[in-house]
Amino acid sequence: MYEKVKSLLTDVFKVPEDQITPESTLEMLGLDSLAAVEFALALEKDFGVEVSDDEVVELERLDKIVDLVESRVRAA
């Protein structure tokens, strides 16, 4: 799941792969609040689960966002 999210960041948001770690925050990756909304929508589309932009912003770190998506996918 982490690798899929990482690919999403590199493909859609053009974040260099070497900058992405599980501990990365959206801010560290150069994603502003509008990009956070787009990221949440992309997660919903790619994984078929509901993820709000507020949750993405609140969780901040990539590993926590991946954990949220994984838990929603398992529950679906």
N, C-alpha and C. Protein backbone atom coordinates (compact mmCIF):
# COMPACT_ATOMS: atom_id res chain seq x y z
N MET A 1 0.83 -1.20 0.00
CA MET A 1 0.00 0.00 0.00
C MET A 1 0.88 1.26 0.00
N TYR A 2 1.93 1.25 0.82
CA TYR A 2 2.83 2.40 0.88
C TYR A 2 3.40 2.70 -0.50
N GLU A 3 3.82 1.66 -1.21
CA GLU A 3 4.41 1.85 -2.54
C GLU A 3 3.40 2.43 -3.53
N LYS A 4 2.14 2.04 -3.42
CA LYS A 4 1.10 2.59 -4.30
C LYS A 4 0.89 4.08 -4.01
N VAL A 5 0.88 4.43 -2.73
CA VAL A 5 0.71 5.84 -2.35
C VAL A 5 1.93 6.64 -2.80
N LYS A 6 3.08 6.07 -2.64
CA LYS A 6 4.32 6.72 -3.08
C LYS A 6 4.27 6.97 -4.59
N SER A 7 3.82 5.99 -5.35
CA SER A 7 3.69 6.15 -6.80
C SER A 7 2.70 7.25 -7.15
N LEU A 8 1.63 7.33 -6.39
CA LEU A 8 0.64 8.39 -6.60
C LEU A 8 1.29 9.76 -6.43
N LEU A 9 2.09 9.90 -5.40
CA LEU A 9 2.77 11.18 -5.15
C LEU A 9 3.76 11.52 -6.25
N THR A 10 4.47 10.53 -6.75
CA THR A 10 5.45 10.81 -7.81
C THR A 10 4.77 11.04 -9.16
N ASP A 11 3.75 10.26 -9.47
CA ASP A 11 3.09 10.36 -10.78
C ASP A 11 2.18 11.58 -10.89
N VAL A 12 1.36 11.80 -9.87
CA VAL A 12 0.35 12.86 -9.95
C VAL A 12 0.90 14.20 -9.48
N PHE A 13 1.68 14.18 -8.40
CA PHE A 13 2.13 15.43 -7.79
C PHE A 13 3.59 15.75 -8.09
N LYS A 14 4.23 14.87 -8.87
CA LYS A 14 5.62 15.09 -9.33
C LYS A 14 6.61 15.28 -8.18
N VAL A 15 6.35 14.61 -7.06
CA VAL A 15 7.28 14.65 -5.93
C VAL A 15 8.43 13.69 -6.26
N PRO A 16 9.67 14.14 -6.16
CA PRO A 16 10.80 13.25 -6.43
C PRO A 16 10.78 12.05 -5.47
N GLU A 17 10.95 10.87 -6.03
CA GLU A 17 10.85 9.64 -5.25
C GLU A 17 11.81 9.62 -4.06
N ASP A 18 13.00 10.19 -4.24
CA ASP A 18 13.99 10.15 -3.15
C ASP A 18 13.63 11.06 -1.98
N GLN A 19 12.63 11.90 -2.14
CA GLN A 19 12.18 12.77 -1.04
C GLN A 19 11.09 12.13 -0.19
N ILE A 20 10.53 11.02 -0.67
CA ILE A 20 9.38 10.41 0.00
C ILE A 20 9.84 9.32 0.96
N THR A 21 9.49 9.50 2.23
CA THR A 21 9.74 8.49 3.26
C THR A 21 8.44 8.31 4.05
N PRO A 22 8.32 7.24 4.81
CA PRO A 22 7.12 7.07 5.63
C PRO A 22 6.90 8.23 6.60
N GLU A 23 7.99 8.86 7.03
CA GLU A 23 7.89 9.95 8.00
C GLU A 23 7.65 11.31 7.34
N SER A 24 7.63 11.36 6.02
CA SER A 24 7.42 12.63 5.31
C SER A 24 6.05 13.20 5.64
N THR A 25 6.02 14.51 5.80
CA THR A 25 4.74 15.20 5.93
C THR A 25 4.39 15.78 4.56
N LEU A 26 3.13 16.10 4.38
CA LEU A 26 2.72 16.70 3.11
C LEU A 26 3.46 18.01 2.88
N GLU A 27 3.66 18.76 3.95
CA GLU A 27 4.38 20.03 3.85
C GLU A 27 5.82 19.79 3.38
N MET A 28 6.47 18.78 3.95
CA MET A 28 7.85 18.45 3.54
C MET A 28 7.91 18.09 2.06
N LEU A 29 6.83 17.51 1.55
CA LEU A 29 6.79 17.10 0.15
C LEU A 29 6.34 18.22 -0.79
N GLY A 30 6.06 19.39 -0.21
CA GLY A 30 5.68 20.54 -1.01
C GLY A 30 4.21 20.61 -1.38
N LEU A 31 3.38 19.84 -0.67
CA LEU A 31 1.94 19.85 -0.95
C LEU A 31 1.25 20.87 -0.05
N ASP A 32 0.57 21.82 -0.66
CA ASP A 32 -0.17 22.82 0.10
C ASP A 32 -1.59 22.31 0.38
N SER A 33 -2.44 23.17 0.91
CA SER A 33 -3.79 22.73 1.30
C SER A 33 -4.62 22.29 0.09
N LEU A 34 -4.47 22.96 -1.04
CA LEU A 34 -5.19 22.55 -2.25
C LEU A 34 -4.69 21.18 -2.72
N ALA A 35 -3.40 20.97 -2.67
CA ALA A 35 -2.84 19.68 -3.06
C ALA A 35 -3.30 18.58 -2.10
N ALA A 36 -3.49 18.92 -0.82
CA ALA A 36 -3.99 17.94 0.16
C ALA A 36 -5.39 17.48 -0.22
N VAL A 37 -6.22 18.41 -0.69
CA VAL A 37 -7.57 18.07 -1.15
C VAL A 37 -7.46 17.14 -2.37
N GLU A 38 -6.61 17.49 -3.31
CA GLU A 38 -6.43 16.66 -4.51
C GLU A 38 -5.86 15.29 -4.15
N PHE A 39 -4.97 15.24 -3.16
CA PHE A 39 -4.39 13.98 -2.71
C PHE A 39 -5.47 13.09 -2.09
N ALA A 40 -6.32 13.67 -1.26
CA ALA A 40 -7.42 12.91 -0.65
C ALA A 40 -8.34 12.35 -1.73
N LEU A 41 -8.67 13.15 -2.72
CA LEU A 41 -9.52 12.69 -3.82
C LEU A 41 -8.84 11.57 -4.62
N ALA A 42 -7.55 11.70 -4.84
CA ALA A 42 -6.81 10.67 -5.57
C ALA A 42 -6.77 9.36 -4.77
N LEU A 43 -6.62 9.46 -3.45
CA LEU A 43 -6.65 8.26 -2.61
C LEU A 43 -8.00 7.58 -2.70
N GLU A 44 -9.07 8.38 -2.65
CA GLU A 44 -10.42 7.83 -2.75
C GLU A 44 -10.61 7.11 -4.08
N LYS A 45 -10.16 7.74 -5.15
CA LYS A 45 -10.33 7.16 -6.48
C LYS A 45 -9.52 5.87 -6.63
N ASP A 46 -8.27 5.90 -6.21
CA ASP A 46 -7.38 4.75 -6.41
C ASP A 46 -7.70 3.57 -5.51
N PHE A 47 -8.18 3.84 -4.30
CA PHE A 47 -8.39 2.76 -3.33
C PHE A 47 -9.85 2.48 -3.03
N GLY A 48 -10.76 3.30 -3.55
CA GLY A 48 -12.18 3.04 -3.39
C GLY A 48 -12.71 3.21 -1.98
N VAL A 49 -12.04 4.05 -1.20
CA VAL A 49 -12.49 4.32 0.17
C VAL A 49 -12.58 5.82 0.39
N GLU A 50 -13.38 6.22 1.35
CA GLU A 50 -13.55 7.64 1.64
C GLU A 50 -12.41 8.13 2.53
N VAL A 51 -11.76 9.19 2.08
CA VAL A 51 -10.70 9.85 2.84
C VAL A 51 -10.91 11.35 2.67
N SER A 52 -11.12 12.04 3.77
CA SER A 52 -11.36 13.48 3.65
C SER A 52 -10.04 14.25 3.65
N ASP A 53 -10.08 15.43 3.06
CA ASP A 53 -8.89 16.27 3.07
C ASP A 53 -8.54 16.69 4.49
N ASP A 54 -9.54 16.85 5.36
CA ASP A 54 -9.27 17.19 6.76
C ASP A 54 -8.46 16.08 7.44
N GLU A 55 -8.80 14.84 7.15
CA GLU A 55 -8.06 13.71 7.73
C GLU A 55 -6.62 13.70 7.23
N VAL A 56 -6.45 13.94 5.95
CA VAL A 56 -5.11 13.95 5.37
C VAL A 56 -4.26 15.05 6.01
N VAL A 57 -4.84 16.23 6.17
CA VAL A 57 -4.11 17.34 6.77
C VAL A 57 -3.82 17.07 8.24
N GLU A 58 -4.81 16.53 8.96
CA GLU A 58 -4.65 16.26 10.38
C GLU A 58 -3.59 15.19 10.65
N LEU A 59 -3.58 14.14 9.85
CA LEU A 59 -2.63 13.04 10.06
C LEU A 59 -1.21 13.44 9.69
N GLU A 60 -1.08 14.34 8.73
CA GLU A 60 0.19 14.91 8.29
C GLU A 60 1.17 13.91 7.68
N ARG A 61 1.62 12.94 8.47
CA ARG A 61 2.68 12.03 8.02
C ARG A 61 2.16 10.97 7.06
N LEU A 62 2.99 10.64 6.10
CA LEU A 62 2.60 9.68 5.07
C LEU A 62 2.28 8.31 5.65
N ASP A 63 3.06 7.85 6.63
CA ASP A 63 2.79 6.53 7.21
C ASP A 63 1.43 6.48 7.90
N LYS A 64 1.03 7.57 8.53
CA LYS A 64 -0.28 7.61 9.19
C LYS A 64 -1.42 7.65 8.17
N ILE A 65 -1.20 8.35 7.07
CA ILE A 65 -2.20 8.41 6.01
C ILE A 65 -2.36 7.02 5.38
N VAL A 66 -1.24 6.33 5.15
CA VAL A 66 -1.29 4.97 4.60
C VAL A 66 -2.02 4.04 5.57
N ASP A 67 -1.74 4.17 6.86
CA ASP A 67 -2.44 3.34 7.87
C ASP A 67 -3.95 3.56 7.81
N LEU A 68 -4.37 4.81 7.66
CA LEU A 68 -5.80 5.12 7.57
C LEU A 68 -6.42 4.46 6.34
N VAL A 69 -5.77 4.61 5.20
CA VAL A 69 -6.28 4.02 3.96
C VAL A 69 -6.34 2.51 4.08
N GLU A 70 -5.29 1.89 4.62
CA GLU A 70 -5.28 0.44 4.79
C GLU A 70 -6.42 -0.03 5.68
N SER A 71 -6.68 0.68 6.76
CA SER A 71 -7.76 0.27 7.67
C SER A 71 -9.12 0.40 6.99
N ARG A 72 -9.29 1.42 6.16
CA ARG A 72 -10.56 1.60 5.45
C ARG A 72 -10.74 0.55 4.37
N VAL A 73 -9.66 0.19 3.70
CA VAL A 73 -9.74 -0.85 2.66
C VAL A 73 -10.10 -2.18 3.30
N ARG A 74 -9.48 -2.50 4.42
CA ARG A 74 -9.78 -3.76 5.12
C ARG A 74 -11.23 -3.80 5.60
N ALA A 75 -11.75 -2.65 6.03
CA ALA A 75 -13.11 -2.59 6.56
C ALA A 75 -14.18 -2.61 5.46
N ALA A 76 -13.77 -2.30 4.25
CA ALA A 76 -14.74 -2.22 3.14
C ALA A 76 -15.20 -3.58 2.67
